[in-house]
C-alpha atoms as a PDB file:
ATOM      1  CA  MET A   1      37.571 113.933 166.921  1.00  0.00           C
ATOM      2  CA  ASN A   2      40.145 111.651 168.449  1.00  0.00           C
ATOM      3  CA  PRO A   3      39.186 107.973 167.843  1.00  0.00           C
ATOM      4  CA  ILE A   4      39.822 107.348 171.556  1.00  0.00           C
ATOM      5  CA  ASP A   5      36.999 109.797 172.403  1.00  0.00           C
ATOM      6  CA  ILE A   6      34.397 107.930 170.338  1.00  0.00           C
ATOM      7  CA  LYS A   7      31.949 106.110 172.567  1.00  0.00           C
ATOM      8  CA  PRO A   8      30.133 102.849 171.679  1.00  0.00           C
ATOM      9  CA  ASP A   9      26.708 104.470 172.009  1.00  0.00           C
ATOM     10  CA  GLN A  10      27.731 107.094 169.430  1.00  0.00           C
ATOM     11  CA  ILE A  11      28.678 104.381 166.969  1.00  0.00           C
ATOM     12  CA  VAL A  12      25.383 102.582 167.542  1.00  0.00           C
ATOM     13  CA  GLN A  13      23.451 105.825 167.005  1.00  0.00           C
ATOM     14  CA  GLU A  14      25.323 106.623 163.775  1.00  0.00           C
ATOM     15  CA  VAL A  15      24.675 103.149 162.393  1.00  0.00           C
ATOM     16  CA  TYR A  16      21.018 103.442 163.344  1.00  0.00           C
ATOM     17  CA  ASP A  17      20.682 106.840 161.668  1.00  0.00           C
ATOM     18  CA  PHE A  18      22.459 105.612 158.545  1.00  0.00           C
ATOM     19  CA  ASN A  19      20.209 102.549 158.251  1.00  0.00           C
ATOM     20  CA  ARG A  20      17.113 104.675 158.775  1.00  0.00           C
ATOM     21  CA  ARG A  21      18.149 107.089 156.010  1.00  0.00           C
ATOM     22  CA  LEU A  22      19.043 104.161 153.773  1.00  0.00           C
ATOM     23  CA  THR A  23      15.600 102.589 154.237  1.00  0.00           C
ATOM     24  CA  ARG A  24      13.792 105.833 153.505  1.00  0.00           C
ATOM     25  CA  GLY A  25      16.057 106.449 150.533  1.00  0.00           C
ATOM     26  CA  ILE A  26      15.419 103.040 148.989  1.00  0.00           C
ATOM     27  CA  ASN A  27      11.693 103.659 149.205  1.00  0.00           C
ATOM     28  CA  ALA A  28      12.197 107.055 147.572  1.00  0.00           C
ATOM     29  CA  LEU A  29      14.220 105.522 144.730  1.00  0.00           C
ATOM     30  CA  ALA A  30      11.437 103.021 144.092  1.00  0.00           C
ATOM     31  CA  ASP A  31       9.058 105.925 143.465  1.00  0.00           C
ATOM     32  CA  LEU A  32      11.259 107.784 140.974  1.00  0.00           C
ATOM     33  CA  GLY A  33       9.622 106.191 137.952  1.00  0.00           C
ATOM     34  CA  GLU A  34      11.139 106.137 134.473  1.00  0.00           C
ATOM     35  CA  ILE A  35      14.630 107.649 134.265  1.00  0.00           C
ATOM     36  CA  GLU A  36      14.524 109.699 131.092  1.00  0.00           C
ATOM     37  CA  VAL A  37      17.591 111.015 129.308  1.00  0.00           C
ATOM     38  CA  GLY A  38      17.978 113.384 126.378  1.00  0.00           C
ATOM     39  CA  VAL A  39      16.140 116.691 126.733  1.00  0.00           C
ATOM     40  CA  SER A  40      16.497 118.241 123.277  1.00  0.00           C
ATOM     41  CA  SER A  41      14.013 117.548 120.492  1.00  0.00           C
ATOM     42  CA  ARG A  42      15.547 115.891 117.459  1.00  0.00           C
ATOM     43  CA  ASP A  43      14.671 114.167 114.184  1.00  0.00           C
ATOM     44  CA  ALA A  44      16.287 111.190 112.488  1.00  0.00           C
ATOM     45  CA  VAL A  45      17.435 112.357 109.046  1.00  0.00           C
ATOM     46  CA  TYR A  46      19.528 109.372 107.951  1.00  0.00           C
ATOM     47  CA  GLU A  47      19.798 105.715 108.952  1.00  0.00           C
ATOM     48  CA  GLU A  48      22.238 103.011 107.922  1.00  0.00           C
ATOM     49  CA  ASP A  49      22.672  99.638 109.600  1.00  0.00           C
ATOM     50  CA  LYS A  50      22.667 100.379 113.356  1.00  0.00           C
ATOM     51  CA  LEU A  51      23.566 104.062 112.856  1.00  0.00           C
ATOM     52  CA  VAL A  52      21.122 106.961 113.124  1.00  0.00           C
ATOM     53  CA  LEU A  53      22.013 110.546 112.219  1.00  0.00           C
ATOM     54  CA  TYR A  54      19.980 113.018 114.278  1.00  0.00           C
ATOM     55  CA  HIS A  55      19.288 116.679 113.598  1.00  0.00           C
ATOM     56  CA  TYR A  56      18.373 118.748 116.657  1.00  0.00           C
ATOM     57  CA  ARG A  57      15.541 121.225 116.336  1.00  0.00           C
ATOM     58  CA  PRO A  58      16.742 124.825 116.597  1.00  0.00           C
ATOM     59  CA  LEU A  59      16.058 126.943 119.677  1.00  0.00           C
ATOM     60  CA  THR A  60      16.930 130.327 118.145  1.00  0.00           C
ATOM     61  CA  LYS A  61      15.625 132.234 115.137  1.00  0.00           C
ATOM     62  CA  LYS A  62      19.126 133.054 113.923  1.00  0.00           C
ATOM     63  CA  GLN A  63      21.706 130.290 113.589  1.00  0.00           C
ATOM     64  CA  ASN A  64      25.287 129.905 112.495  1.00  0.00           C
ATOM     65  CA  PRO A  65      24.902 128.964 108.795  1.00  0.00           C
ATOM     66  CA  VAL A  66      27.462 126.140 109.047  1.00  0.00           C
ATOM     67  CA  PRO A  67      26.120 123.122 110.978  1.00  0.00           C
ATOM     68  CA  VAL A  68      28.099 121.127 113.529  1.00  0.00           C
ATOM     69  CA  LEU A  69      28.272 117.335 113.439  1.00  0.00           C
ATOM     70  CA  ILE A  70      29.051 115.690 116.798  1.00  0.00           C
ATOM     71  CA  VAL A  71      30.970 112.422 116.493  1.00  0.00           C
ATOM     72  CA  TYR A  72      30.726 110.435 119.711  1.00  0.00           C
ATOM     73  CA  ALA A  73      32.876 107.532 120.879  1.00  0.00           C
ATOM     74  CA  LEU A  74      31.837 103.942 120.230  1.00  0.00           C
ATOM     75  CA  VAL A  75      31.885 103.316 123.987  1.00  0.00           C
ATOM     76  CA  ASN A  76      28.760 104.238 126.008  1.00  0.00           C
ATOM     77  CA  ARG A  77      25.852 106.200 124.567  1.00  0.00           C
ATOM     78  CA  PRO A  78      25.869 109.764 123.215  1.00  0.00           C
ATOM     79  CA  PHE A  79      23.012 111.012 125.407  1.00  0.00           C
ATOM     80  CA  MET A  80      25.690 112.043 127.908  1.00  0.00           C
ATOM     81  CA  ALA A  81      26.002 115.205 125.795  1.00  0.00           C
ATOM     82  CA  ASP A  82      22.273 115.887 126.266  1.00  0.00           C
ATOM     83  CA  LEU A  83      21.695 114.345 129.681  1.00  0.00           C
ATOM     84  CA  GLU A  84      19.068 116.529 131.314  1.00  0.00           C
ATOM     85  CA  GLU A  85      17.762 120.067 131.673  1.00  0.00           C
ATOM     86  CA  GLY A  86      20.602 122.281 132.864  1.00  0.00           C
ATOM     87  CA  ARG A  87      23.234 119.640 132.130  1.00  0.00           C
ATOM     88  CA  SER A  88      23.307 119.428 128.344  1.00  0.00           C
ATOM     89  CA  LEU A  89      26.131 120.524 126.090  1.00  0.00           C
ATOM     90  CA  ILE A  90      23.847 120.110 123.090  1.00  0.00           C
ATOM     91  CA  ARG A  91      21.086 122.242 124.621  1.00  0.00           C
ATOM     92  CA  GLY A  92      23.647 124.948 125.378  1.00  0.00           C
ATOM     93  CA  MET A  93      24.921 124.887 121.802  1.00  0.00           C
ATOM     94  CA  LEU A  94      21.368 125.127 120.446  1.00  0.00           C
ATOM     95  CA  GLN A  95      20.554 128.038 122.739  1.00  0.00           C
ATOM     96  CA  ALA A  96      23.719 129.755 121.534  1.00  0.00           C
ATOM     97  CA  GLY A  97      22.545 129.543 117.918  1.00  0.00           C
ATOM     98  CA  LEU A  98      24.381 126.514 116.557  1.00  0.00           C
ATOM     99  CA  ASP A  99      22.798 124.023 114.144  1.00  0.00           C
ATOM    100  CA  VAL A 100      23.602 120.603 115.627  1.00  0.00           C
ATOM    101  CA  TYR A 101      23.713 117.064 114.238  1.00  0.00           C
ATOM    102  CA  LEU A 102      24.838 113.917 116.071  1.00  0.00           C
ATOM    103  CA  ILE A 103      25.771 110.372 115.082  1.00  0.00           C
ATOM    104  CA  ASP A 104      24.223 107.652 117.258  1.00  0.00           C
ATOM    105  CA  TRP A 105      26.202 104.462 116.584  1.00  0.00           C
ATOM    106  CA  GLY A 106      23.546 102.171 118.049  1.00  0.00           C
ATOM    107  CA  TYR A 107      24.273  98.700 119.383  1.00  0.00           C
ATOM    108  CA  PRO A 108      26.537  96.490 117.221  1.00  0.00           C
ATOM    109  CA  ASP A 109      25.672  92.792 117.200  1.00  0.00           C
ATOM    110  CA  ALA A 110      27.464  89.654 116.026  1.00  0.00           C
ATOM    111  CA  GLY A 111      26.801  90.567 112.403  1.00  0.00           C
ATOM    112  CA  ASP A 112      28.907  93.715 112.817  1.00  0.00           C
ATOM    113  CA  SER A 113      32.073  92.055 114.132  1.00  0.00           C
ATOM    114  CA  HIS A 114      33.808  92.552 110.773  1.00  0.00           C
ATOM    115  CA  LEU A 115      33.379  96.344 110.772  1.00  0.00           C
ATOM    116  CA  SER A 116      36.732  98.112 110.560  1.00  0.00           C
ATOM    117  CA  LEU A 117      37.934 101.657 111.217  1.00  0.00           C
ATOM    118  CA  ASP A 118      37.657 102.171 107.476  1.00  0.00           C
ATOM    119  CA  ASP A 119      33.948 101.325 107.695  1.00  0.00           C
ATOM    120  CA  TYR A 120      33.402 103.780 110.530  1.00  0.00           C
ATOM    121  CA  ILE A 121      35.549 106.670 109.303  1.00  0.00           C
ATOM    122  CA  ASN A 122      35.567 106.499 105.495  1.00  0.00           C
ATOM    123  CA  GLY A 123      32.147 104.864 105.466  1.00  0.00           C
ATOM    124  CA  TYR A 124      29.644 105.929 108.102  1.00  0.00           C
ATOM    125  CA  ILE A 125      31.105 109.317 109.061  1.00  0.00           C
ATOM    126  CA  ASP A 126      31.764 110.291 105.448  1.00  0.00           C
ATOM    127  CA  ARG A 127      28.239 109.418 104.342  1.00  0.00           C
ATOM    128  CA  CYS A 128      26.709 111.309 107.274  1.00  0.00           C
ATOM    129  CA  ILE A 129      28.750 114.375 106.376  1.00  0.00           C
ATOM    130  CA  ASP A 130      27.625 114.094 102.753  1.00  0.00           C
ATOM    131  CA  VAL A 131      23.992 113.980 103.920  1.00  0.00           C
ATOM    132  CA  ILE A 132      24.475 117.167 105.936  1.00  0.00           C
ATOM    133  CA  ARG A 133      26.346 118.894 103.120  1.00  0.00           C
ATOM    134  CA  ASP A 134      23.511 118.075 100.720  1.00  0.00           C
ATOM    135  CA  ARG A 135      20.826 119.237 103.174  1.00  0.00           C
ATOM    136  CA  HIS A 136      22.515 122.631 103.580  1.00  0.00           C
ATOM    137  CA  GLY A 137      24.062 123.052 100.140  1.00  0.00           C
ATOM    138  CA  LEU A 138      27.557 123.395 101.606  1.00  0.00           C
ATOM    139  CA  GLU A 139      30.944 122.090 100.595  1.00  0.00           C
ATOM    140  CA  ARG A 140      32.230 121.927 104.184  1.00  0.00           C
ATOM    141  CA  ILE A 141      30.730 121.637 107.666  1.00  0.00           C
ATOM    142  CA  ASN A 142      32.030 121.881 111.236  1.00  0.00           C
ATOM    143  CA  LEU A 143      33.086 118.739 113.086  1.00  0.00           C
ATOM    144  CA  LEU A 144      33.112 118.194 116.868  1.00  0.00           C
ATOM    145  CA  GLY A 145      34.557 114.962 118.250  1.00  0.00           C
ATOM    146  CA  ILE A 146      34.106 113.577 121.758  1.00  0.00           C
ATOM    147  CA  CYS A 147      36.848 111.338 123.223  1.00  0.00           C
ATOM    148  CA  GLN A 148      37.412 108.439 120.791  1.00  0.00           C
ATOM    149  CA  GLY A 149      35.049 110.279 118.456  1.00  0.00           C
ATOM    150  CA  GLY A 150      37.578 113.114 118.503  1.00  0.00           C
ATOM    151  CA  THR A 151      40.299 110.715 117.397  1.00  0.00           C
ATOM    152  CA  PHE A 152      37.990 109.504 114.619  1.00  0.00           C
ATOM    153  CA  SER A 153      37.347 113.146 113.659  1.00  0.00           C
ATOM    154  CA  LEU A 154      41.091 113.834 113.448  1.00  0.00           C
ATOM    155  CA  CYS A 155      41.572 110.827 111.192  1.00  0.00           C
ATOM    156  CA  TYR A 156      38.590 111.826 109.061  1.00  0.00           C
ATOM    157  CA  THR A 157      39.841 115.393 108.690  1.00  0.00           C
ATOM    158  CA  ALA A 158      43.298 114.196 107.721  1.00  0.00           C
ATOM    159  CA  LEU A 159      41.709 112.097 104.977  1.00  0.00           C
ATOM    160  CA  HIS A 160      38.843 114.400 103.891  1.00  0.00           C
ATOM    161  CA  GLN A 161      39.857 117.938 104.800  1.00  0.00           C
ATOM    162  CA  ASP A 162      37.975 119.292 101.799  1.00  0.00           C
ATOM    163  CA  LYS A 163      34.698 118.521 103.624  1.00  0.00           C
ATOM    164  CA  VAL A 164      35.571 120.017 107.039  1.00  0.00           C
ATOM    165  CA  LYS A 165      35.531 123.765 107.718  1.00  0.00           C
ATOM    166  CA  ASN A 166      36.502 123.829 111.413  1.00  0.00           C
ATOM    167  CA  LEU A 167      37.475 121.015 113.777  1.00  0.00           C
ATOM    168  CA  ILE A 168      36.791 120.851 117.519  1.00  0.00           C
ATOM    169  CA  THR A 169      38.184 118.028 119.636  1.00  0.00           C
ATOM    170  CA  THR A 170      37.098 117.449 123.243  1.00  0.00           C
ATOM    171  CA  VAL A 171      38.939 115.191 125.746  1.00  0.00           C
ATOM    172  CA  THR A 172      40.519 113.532 122.724  1.00  0.00           C
ATOM    173  CA  PRO A 173      43.486 111.157 123.017  1.00  0.00           C
ATOM    174  CA  VAL A 174      46.258 111.926 120.527  1.00  0.00           C
ATOM    175  CA  ASP A 175      49.463 110.716 122.172  1.00  0.00           C
ATOM    176  CA  PHE A 176      48.534 107.350 123.682  1.00  0.00           C
ATOM    177  CA  HIS A 177      51.855 106.834 125.495  1.00  0.00           C
ATOM    178  CA  THR A 178      51.952 109.694 127.986  1.00  0.00           C
ATOM    179  CA  SER A 179      53.227 108.905 131.471  1.00  0.00           C
ATOM    180  CA  ARG A 180      49.957 109.416 133.385  1.00  0.00           C
ATOM    181  CA  ASP A 181      47.748 107.447 131.008  1.00  0.00           C
ATOM    182  CA  GLN A 182      46.608 104.547 133.221  1.00  0.00           C
ATOM    183  CA  LEU A 183      44.360 103.047 130.565  1.00  0.00           C
ATOM    184  CA  SER A 184      47.166 102.991 128.023  1.00  0.00           C
ATOM    185  CA  HIS A 185      49.599 101.344 130.444  1.00  0.00           C
ATOM    186  CA  LEU A 186      47.003  98.639 131.074  1.00  0.00           C
ATOM    187  CA  VAL A 187      45.954  98.052 127.469  1.00  0.00           C
ATOM    188  CA  ARG A 188      49.527  97.726 126.195  1.00  0.00           C
ATOM    189  CA  HIS A 189      49.807  94.381 128.015  1.00  0.00           C
ATOM    190  CA  VAL A 190      46.595  92.868 126.615  1.00  0.00           C
ATOM    191  CA  LYS A 191      46.673  90.293 123.807  1.00  0.00           C
ATOM    192  CA  ILE A 192      44.081  91.973 121.616  1.00  0.00           C
ATOM    193  CA  ASP A 193      44.131  89.435 118.790  1.00  0.00           C
ATOM    194  CA  GLN A 194      43.383  86.647 121.233  1.00  0.00           C
ATOM    195  CA  CYS A 195      40.520  88.639 122.775  1.00  0.00           C
ATOM    196  CA  VAL A 196      38.868  89.426 119.448  1.00  0.00           C
ATOM    197  CA  ASP A 197      39.475  85.986 117.943  1.00  0.00           C
ATOM    198  CA  THR A 198      37.879  84.426 121.019  1.00  0.00           C
ATOM    199  CA  MET A 199      34.922  86.747 121.641  1.00  0.00           C
ATOM    200  CA  GLY A 200      34.243  88.347 118.264  1.00  0.00           C
ATOM    201  CA  ASN A 201      32.711  91.593 119.472  1.00  0.00           C
ATOM    202  CA  ILE A 202      34.110  92.898 122.745  1.00  0.00           C
ATOM    203  CA  PRO A 203      31.376  93.052 125.420  1.00  0.00           C
ATOM    204  CA  GLY A 204      30.579  96.587 126.502  1.00  0.00           C
ATOM    205  CA  GLU A 205      30.130  95.407 130.066  1.00  0.00           C
ATOM    206  CA  LEU A 206      33.724  94.136 130.122  1.00  0.00           C
ATOM    207  CA  LEU A 207      35.099  97.488 128.963  1.00  0.00           C
ATOM    208  CA  ASN A 208      32.904  99.342 131.409  1.00  0.00           C
ATOM    209  CA  TRP A 209      34.364  97.442 134.357  1.00  0.00           C
ATOM    210  CA  VAL A 210      37.872  98.181 133.074  1.00  0.00           C
ATOM    211  CA  PHE A 211      37.088 101.915 133.123  1.00  0.00           C
ATOM    212  CA  LEU A 212      35.576 101.703 136.612  1.00  0.00           C
ATOM    213  CA  MET A 213      38.604  99.850 137.966  1.00  0.00           C
ATOM    214  CA  LEU A 214      40.819 102.817 137.079  1.00  0.00           C
ATOM    215  CA  LYS A 215      39.255 104.618 140.081  1.00  0.00           C
ATOM    216  CA  PRO A 216      37.678 101.753 142.034  1.00  0.00           C
ATOM    217  CA  PHE A 217      37.157 103.487 145.375  1.00  0.00           C
ATOM    218  CA  ARG A 218      35.520 106.605 143.952  1.00  0.00           C
ATOM    219  CA  LEU A 219      33.515 104.973 141.151  1.00  0.00           C
ATOM    220  CA  MET A 220      32.549 101.679 142.757  1.00  0.00           C
ATOM    221  CA  GLY A 221      32.314 102.446 146.475  1.00  0.00           C
ATOM    222  CA  GLN A 222      32.336 106.008 147.716  1.00  0.00           C
ATOM    223  CA  LYS A 223      29.666 107.310 145.357  1.00  0.00           C
ATOM    224  CA  TYR A 224      27.153 104.759 146.646  1.00  0.00           C
ATOM    225  CA  VAL A 225      27.907 105.730 150.228  1.00  0.00           C
ATOM    226  CA  ASP A 226      27.369 109.371 149.247  1.00  0.00           C
ATOM    227  CA  LEU A 227      24.098 108.403 147.546  1.00  0.00           C
ATOM    228  CA  VAL A 228      22.481 107.895 150.955  1.00  0.00           C
ATOM    229  CA  ASP A 229      22.702 111.650 151.551  1.00  0.00           C
ATOM    230  CA  ILE A 230      20.651 112.511 148.449  1.00  0.00           C
ATOM    231  CA  MET A 231      18.279 109.557 148.029  1.00  0.00           C
ATOM    232  CA  GLU A 232      15.328 111.368 149.620  1.00  0.00           C
ATOM    233  CA  ASP A 233      15.677 114.333 147.260  1.00  0.00           C
ATOM    234  CA  PRO A 234      13.868 113.246 144.029  1.00  0.00           C
ATOM    235  CA  GLY A 235      15.683 115.772 141.843  1.00  0.00           C
ATOM    236  CA  ARG A 236      19.184 114.898 143.004  1.00  0.00           C
ATOM    237  CA  ALA A 237      18.367 111.189 143.052  1.00  0.00           C
ATOM    238  CA  LYS A 238      17.179 111.329 139.441  1.00  0.00           C
ATOM    239  CA  ASN A 239      20.372 113.145 138.458  1.00  0.00           C
ATOM    240  CA  PHE A 240      22.377 110.341 140.054  1.00  0.00           C
ATOM    241  CA  MET A 241      20.334 107.635 138.331  1.00  0.00           C
ATOM    242  CA  ARG A 242      20.684 109.306 134.936  1.00  0.00           C
ATOM    243  CA  MET A 243      24.438 109.137 135.272  1.00  0.00           C
ATOM    244  CA  GLU A 244      24.214 105.493 136.384  1.00  0.00           C
ATOM    245  CA  LYS A 245      22.058 104.721 133.364  1.00  0.00           C
ATOM    246  CA  TRP A 246      24.648 106.269 131.079  1.00  0.00           C
ATOM    247  CA  ILE A 247      27.595 104.533 132.783  1.00  0.00           C
ATOM    248  CA  PHE A 248      26.101 101.066 132.523  1.00  0.00           C
ATOM    249  CA  ASP A 249      24.527 101.441 129.062  1.00  0.00           C
ATOM    250  CA  SER A 250      27.578 100.151 127.209  1.00  0.00           C
ATOM    251  CA  PRO A 251      27.256  98.847 123.636  1.00  0.00           C
ATOM    252  CA  ASP A 252      29.456  95.981 122.512  1.00  0.00           C
ATOM    253  CA  GLN A 253      32.418  96.926 120.318  1.00  0.00           C
ATOM    254  CA  ALA A 254      32.731  95.656 116.755  1.00  0.00           C
ATOM    255  CA  GLY A 255      35.640  93.221 116.982  1.00  0.00           C
ATOM    256  CA  GLN A 256      37.739  94.274 113.997  1.00  0.00           C
ATOM    257  CA  ALA A 257      37.476  98.019 114.683  1.00  0.00           C
ATOM    258  CA  PHE A 258      38.374  97.388 118.330  1.00  0.00           C
ATOM    259  CA  ARG A 259      41.387  95.320 117.282  1.00  0.00           C
ATOM    260  CA  GLU A 260      42.652  98.039 114.954  1.00  0.00           C
ATOM    261  CA  PHE A 261      42.052 100.899 117.386  1.00  0.00           C
ATOM    262  CA  VAL A 262      43.762  99.251 120.339  1.00  0.00           C
ATOM    263  CA  THR A 263      46.686  97.923 118.298  1.00  0.00           C
ATOM    264  CA  ASP A 264      47.455 100.972 116.156  1.00  0.00           C
ATOM    265  CA  PHE A 265      46.567 103.704 118.639  1.00  0.00           C
ATOM    266  CA  TYR A 266      46.980 102.413 122.196  1.00  0.00           C
ATOM    267  CA  GLN A 267      49.701  99.841 121.749  1.00  0.00           C
ATOM    268  CA  ASP A 268      51.762 101.220 118.844  1.00  0.00           C
ATOM    269  CA  ASN A 269      50.917 104.950 119.234  1.00  0.00           C
ATOM    270  CA  LYS A 270      50.912 105.400 115.484  1.00  0.00           C
ATOM    271  CA  LEU A 271      48.763 108.542 115.482  1.00  0.00           C
ATOM    272  CA  VAL A 272      51.778 110.582 116.624  1.00  0.00           C
ATOM    273  CA  LYS A 273      54.558 108.258 115.448  1.00  0.00           C
ATOM    274  CA  GLY A 274      53.066 107.737 111.989  1.00  0.00           C
ATOM    275  CA  GLY A 275      52.109 104.574 110.179  1.00  0.00           C
ATOM    276  CA  ILE A 276      48.328 104.458 110.496  1.00  0.00           C
ATOM    277  CA  ARG A 277      46.566 103.560 107.266  1.00  0.00           C
ATOM    278  CA  ILE A 278      42.775 103.633 107.014  1.00  0.00           C
ATOM    279  CA  GLY A 279      41.174 102.429 103.816  1.00  0.00           C
ATOM    280  CA  GLY A 280      44.612 102.093 102.280  1.00  0.00           C
ATOM    281  CA  LYS A 281      45.455 105.759 102.839  1.00  0.00           C
ATOM    282  CA  ALA A 282      47.972 107.152 105.320  1.00  0.00           C
ATOM    283  CA  VAL A 283      46.596 109.276 108.168  1.00  0.00           C
ATOM    284  CA  ASP A 284      48.916 112.277 108.502  1.00  0.00           C
ATOM    285  CA  LEU A 285      47.858 114.821 111.118  1.00  0.00           C
ATOM    286  CA  GLU A 286      50.501 117.221 109.821  1.00  0.00           C
ATOM    287  CA  GLY A 287      48.329 117.685 106.747  1.00  0.00           C
ATOM    288  CA  ILE A 288      45.548 119.309 108.811  1.00  0.00           C
ATOM    289  CA  THR A 289      45.634 123.053 108.090  1.00  0.00           C
ATOM    290  CA  ILE A 290      42.061 124.110 108.943  1.00  0.00           C
ATOM    291  CA  PRO A 291      41.248 125.890 112.245  1.00  0.00           C
ATOM    292  CA  VAL A 292      41.382 123.550 115.272  1.00  0.00           C
ATOM    293  CA  LEU A 293      40.021 124.072 118.794  1.00  0.00           C
ATOM    294  CA  ASN A 294      41.300 121.451 121.244  1.00  0.00           C
ATOM    295  CA  ILE A 295      39.394 121.267 124.557  1.00  0.00           C
ATOM    296  CA  TYR A 296      40.788 119.093 127.328  1.00  0.00           C
ATOM    297  CA  ALA A 297      39.988 118.484 131.010  1.00  0.00           C
ATOM    298  CA  ARG A 298      42.590 119.365 133.627  1.00  0.00           C
ATOM    299  CA  ASP A 299      41.657 116.485 135.958  1.00  0.00           C
ATOM    300  CA  ASP A 300      40.893 113.850 133.328  1.00  0.00           C
ATOM    301  CA  HIS A 301      41.897 110.336 134.444  1.00  0.00           C
ATOM    302  CA  LEU A 302      40.875 108.634 131.175  1.00  0.00           C
ATOM    303  CA  VAL A 303      42.509 111.067 128.731  1.00  0.00           C
ATOM    304  CA  PRO A 304      45.212 112.989 130.645  1.00  0.00           C
ATOM    305  CA  PRO A 305      45.821 116.579 129.494  1.00  0.00           C
ATOM    306  CA  ASP A 306      49.213 115.688 127.990  1.00  0.00           C
ATOM    307  CA  ALA A 307      47.553 113.063 125.797  1.00  0.00           C
ATOM    308  CA  SER A 308      45.273 115.731 124.295  1.00  0.00           C
ATOM    309  CA  ARG A 309      47.679 118.661 124.211  1.00  0.00           C
ATOM    310  CA  ALA A 310      50.064 116.633 122.052  1.00  0.00           C
ATOM    311  CA  LEU A 311      47.840 117.648 119.140  1.00  0.00           C
ATOM    312  CA  ALA A 312      49.514 121.067 119.030  1.00  0.00           C
ATOM    313  CA  GLY A 313      52.724 119.497 117.781  1.00  0.00           C
ATOM    314  CA  CYS A 314      51.029 117.264 115.229  1.00  0.00           C
ATOM    315  CA  VAL A 315      48.901 119.549 113.042  1.00  0.00           C
ATOM    316  CA  SER A 316      50.096 122.288 110.680  1.00  0.00           C
ATOM    317  CA  SER A 317      47.173 124.632 111.293  1.00  0.00           C
ATOM    318  CA  ARG A 318      48.164 128.253 111.906  1.00  0.00           C
ATOM    319  CA  ASP A 319      44.836 128.689 113.677  1.00  0.00           C
ATOM    320  CA  TYR A 320      45.190 126.262 116.574  1.00  0.00           C
ATOM    321  CA  SER A 321      43.657 127.016 119.986  1.00  0.00           C
ATOM    322  CA  GLU A 322      43.459 125.149 123.291  1.00  0.00           C
ATOM    323  CA  LEU A 323      40.922 125.454 126.077  1.00  0.00           C
ATOM    324  CA  GLU A 324      41.479 123.870 129.478  1.00  0.00           C
ATOM    325  CA  PHE A 325      38.381 122.881 131.442  1.00  0.00           C
ATOM    326  CA  PRO A 326      38.868 122.780 135.230  1.00  0.00           C
ATOM    327  CA  GLY A 327      37.312 119.379 135.830  1.00  0.00           C
ATOM    328  CA  GLY A 328      37.234 115.742 134.816  1.00  0.00           C
ATOM    329  CA  HIS A 329      36.432 113.647 131.750  1.00  0.00           C
ATOM    330  CA  ILE A 330      32.662 113.525 132.292  1.00  0.00           C
ATOM    331  CA  GLY A 331      32.385 116.843 134.094  1.00  0.00           C
ATOM    332  CA  LEU A 332      33.335 118.528 130.837  1.00  0.00           C
ATOM    333  CA  TYR A 333      29.821 117.717 129.575  1.00  0.00           C
ATOM    334  CA  VAL A 334      27.533 117.473 132.592  1.00  0.00           C
ATOM    335  CA  SER A 335      28.784 119.867 135.285  1.00  0.00           C
ATOM    336  CA  GLY A 336      27.167 123.223 135.918  1.00  0.00           C
ATOM    337  CA  ARG A 337      30.474 124.951 135.266  1.00  0.00           C
ATOM    338  CA  SER A 338      30.790 123.356 131.841  1.00  0.00           C
ATOM    339  CA  GLN A 339      27.331 124.620 130.849  1.00  0.00           C
ATOM    340  CA  ARG A 340      28.481 128.164 131.559  1.00  0.00           C
ATOM    341  CA  LEU A 341      31.850 127.835 129.823  1.00  0.00           C
ATOM    342  CA  LEU A 342      31.715 125.434 126.885  1.00  0.00           C
ATOM    343  CA  PRO A 343      28.692 126.393 124.728  1.00  0.00           C
ATOM    344  CA  PRO A 344      29.657 130.101 124.624  1.00  0.00           C
ATOM    345  CA  ALA A 345      33.315 129.270 123.978  1.00  0.00           C
ATOM    346  CA  ILE A 346      32.486 126.877 121.138  1.00  0.00           C
ATOM    347  CA  THR A 347      29.903 129.238 119.635  1.00  0.00           C
ATOM    348  CA  ASP A 348      32.197 132.268 119.757  1.00  0.00           C
ATOM    349  CA  TRP A 349      35.112 130.329 118.303  1.00  0.00           C
ATOM    350  CA  LEU A 350      33.014 129.047 115.397  1.00  0.00           C
ATOM    351  CA  GLY A 351      31.381 132.449 114.906  1.00  0.00           C
ATOM    352  CA  GLN A 352      34.762 134.094 114.413  1.00  0.00           C
ATOM    353  CA  ARG A 353      35.531 131.556 111.699  1.00  0.00           C
ATOM    354  CA  THR A 354      32.276 131.722 109.775  1.00  0.00           C
ATOM    355  CA  ASP A 355      32.317 133.636 106.495  1.00  0.00           C
END
């Protein structure tokens, strides 16, 4: 419609209709009740400091004999991988016959500000893997990393390849200096030492607003306008609120680990250039020879495809595969399309590499 043809009474009617829907929608939201997340039954099998290692209860009689440990990022909460019925990567993996474990990092407090990447990778992750190995009587298990957790999994595998059978990385940054990496371009100009020395732990809320500002119109404006169209539908409204709960549930970051990760990875790009040392040992991705499946998202604005696909030129594995998901960073885990594509792809890939 030509703007010249729009009449004042039409504008008044549209505003009236919008306000009426907004009022009804707000009342509907108030009646939603508790917003629950995490649909798969699980048991805590190991705890240390703030960390909890969960084992998910199987959904099939026959399972792949080699369990999978999911290593999530330190940012946000891991229930994004098990958000709700019909939108759960973990549920899909369980239904496909995989035996799944997950590390929940918890909420670091001021007493954790000294924790380093060595503590997380050679400490927490290594001890969790030892627990799983002991429970199953295995020398090696499968590892699946999500975003920063994928980077941690790469570093762990480079240092402890004798404990990892197969490695899966999802939306994982490897080359932190690719041209379309907005977050990297921003972070390279931040004085990280000054931030950590001043604040100790880095507030999760601060980081969350940084991520939102990368797409301010879509993530901070348009989605709330679109919400008016679904507010009166309890199912769709609850889906929206679950995502909001995940987005704004942001743990603080242990200061020292944050300092090391931003400096060595984002600012100096040492994962591909070389020079990273964790626990006094060099992290050399070229030493990774086990099978690797690298899954990236075509429309990812946080970890651009080039940042993930760089892994192909870094590892020495003769069994390296890539899978492109036609969607974004979060859609890889919660979209309907991902539920149809990812669990079968992961299960089949691991099944072909199980003795």
